[in-house]
């Protein structure tokens, strides 16, 4: 329940921030979805790269033999990296909602 509520809150926050960006920058409404999808993609890519960096820094051999999965829960990767990756899902959801609003589906 808590995770679902957090997901909804972050999605609404992304929608509000994008709405303010579109309003004050003067860009067309449809580009809000481009901003949201780009934000989701960038946060996901940054998450993957940072996970590889921190695990490679902890033990370089783990990335080569696939043992990096065993580092889960050991504190090798900082929590903010995980939060960065988890923020990509609400950004994609907000982008979909933005498109549905643009095409008058909802």
Protein backbone atom coordinates (compact mmCIF):
# COMPACT_ATOMS: atom_id res chain seq x y z
CA UNK A 1 0.00 0.00 0.00
CA UNK A 2 2.79 2.38 0.91
CA UNK A 3 4.68 1.74 -2.32
CA UNK A 4 1.57 2.30 -4.42
CA UNK A 5 0.90 5.58 -2.63
CA UNK A 6 4.51 6.69 -3.13
CA UNK A 7 4.24 5.79 -6.83
CA UNK A 8 1.09 7.91 -7.18
CA UNK A 9 2.60 10.85 -5.28
CA UNK A 10 5.77 10.87 -7.41
CA UNK A 11 3.72 10.53 -10.62
CA UNK A 12 1.57 13.52 -9.63
CA UNK A 13 4.70 15.48 -8.71
CA UNK A 14 6.19 14.77 -12.16
CA UNK A 15 2.93 15.85 -13.82
CA UNK A 16 2.83 19.07 -11.81
CA UNK A 17 6.47 19.91 -12.50
CA UNK A 18 6.02 19.26 -16.22
CA UNK A 19 2.85 21.33 -16.27
CA UNK A 20 4.70 24.26 -14.72
CA UNK A 21 7.58 23.79 -17.18
CA UNK A 22 5.23 23.79 -20.17
CA UNK A 23 3.29 26.79 -18.88
CA UNK A 24 6.25 29.05 -18.20
CA UNK A 25 8.56 27.98 -21.00
CA UNK A 26 5.92 28.28 -23.71
CA UNK A 27 6.72 24.95 -25.34
CA UNK A 28 3.80 23.09 -26.94
CA UNK A 29 1.77 20.83 -24.67
CA UNK A 30 2.74 17.62 -26.48
CA UNK A 31 6.42 18.18 -25.65
CA UNK A 32 5.59 17.61 -22.00
CA UNK A 33 5.40 13.90 -22.78
CA UNK A 34 8.80 14.08 -24.45
CA UNK A 35 10.20 15.68 -21.30
CA UNK A 36 8.67 12.99 -19.09
CA UNK A 37 9.80 10.07 -21.26
CA UNK A 38 13.29 11.59 -21.52
CA UNK A 39 13.44 12.02 -17.75
CA UNK A 40 12.38 8.40 -17.24
CA UNK A 41 14.91 7.12 -19.76
CA UNK A 42 17.76 9.21 -18.36
CA UNK A 43 17.06 8.18 -14.78
CA UNK A 44 16.93 4.50 -15.78
CA UNK A 45 20.21 4.70 -17.74
CA UNK A 46 21.87 6.63 -14.91
CA UNK A 47 20.69 3.98 -12.44
CA UNK A 48 22.16 1.12 -14.46
CA UNK A 49 25.45 2.92 -15.01
CA UNK A 50 25.79 3.89 -11.34
CA UNK A 51 25.01 0.36 -10.18
CA UNK A 52 27.73 -0.97 -12.49
CA UNK A 53 30.12 1.72 -11.24
CA UNK A 54 29.59 1.04 -7.54
CA UNK A 55 29.71 -2.74 -7.89
CA UNK A 56 32.80 -2.48 -10.12
CA UNK A 57 34.41 -0.25 -7.52
CA UNK A 58 33.56 -2.72 -4.74
CA UNK A 59 34.88 -5.78 -6.59
CA UNK A 60 35.79 -5.52 -10.30
CA UNK A 61 35.56 -9.28 -10.84
CA UNK A 62 31.88 -9.41 -9.88
CA UNK A 63 30.78 -7.67 -13.06
CA UNK A 64 32.56 -10.21 -15.25
CA UNK A 65 31.32 -13.47 -13.77
CA UNK A 66 27.73 -12.42 -13.02
CA UNK A 67 28.09 -12.56 -9.24
CA UNK A 68 26.95 -8.95 -8.92
CA UNK A 69 23.45 -10.21 -8.09
CA UNK A 70 24.82 -11.43 -4.74
CA UNK A 71 25.52 -7.82 -3.69
CA UNK A 72 21.80 -7.08 -3.18
CA UNK A 73 21.15 -5.86 0.33
CA UNK A 74 24.82 -5.59 1.29
CA UNK A 75 25.00 -1.80 0.99
CA UNK A 76 27.37 -1.81 -1.96
CA UNK A 77 25.09 0.47 -3.99
CA UNK A 78 23.84 3.61 -2.17
CA UNK A 79 20.11 3.98 -1.64
CA UNK A 80 19.89 7.14 -3.71
CA UNK A 81 20.96 5.16 -6.78
CA UNK A 82 18.06 2.78 -6.23
CA UNK A 83 15.67 5.70 -5.75
CA UNK A 84 16.93 7.20 -8.98
CA UNK A 85 16.09 4.02 -10.85
CA UNK A 86 12.72 3.67 -9.17
CA UNK A 87 11.82 7.22 -10.19
CA UNK A 88 11.90 6.20 -13.85
CA UNK A 89 8.66 4.21 -13.52
CA UNK A 90 6.52 7.15 -12.31
CA UNK A 91 8.09 9.31 -15.02
CA UNK A 92 6.97 6.83 -17.69
CA UNK A 93 3.51 6.60 -16.11
CA UNK A 94 3.26 10.40 -16.07
CA UNK A 95 4.31 10.50 -19.72
CA UNK A 96 1.56 8.05 -20.63
CA UNK A 97 -1.00 10.06 -18.66
CA UNK A 98 0.22 13.21 -20.39
CA UNK A 99 -0.30 11.63 -23.81
CA UNK A 100 -3.73 10.34 -22.85
CA UNK A 101 -4.67 13.85 -21.75
CA UNK A 102 -3.32 15.35 -24.97
CA UNK A 103 -5.33 12.98 -27.14
CA UNK A 104 -8.45 13.53 -25.02
CA UNK A 105 -8.72 9.91 -23.94
CA UNK A 106 -9.11 10.85 -20.28
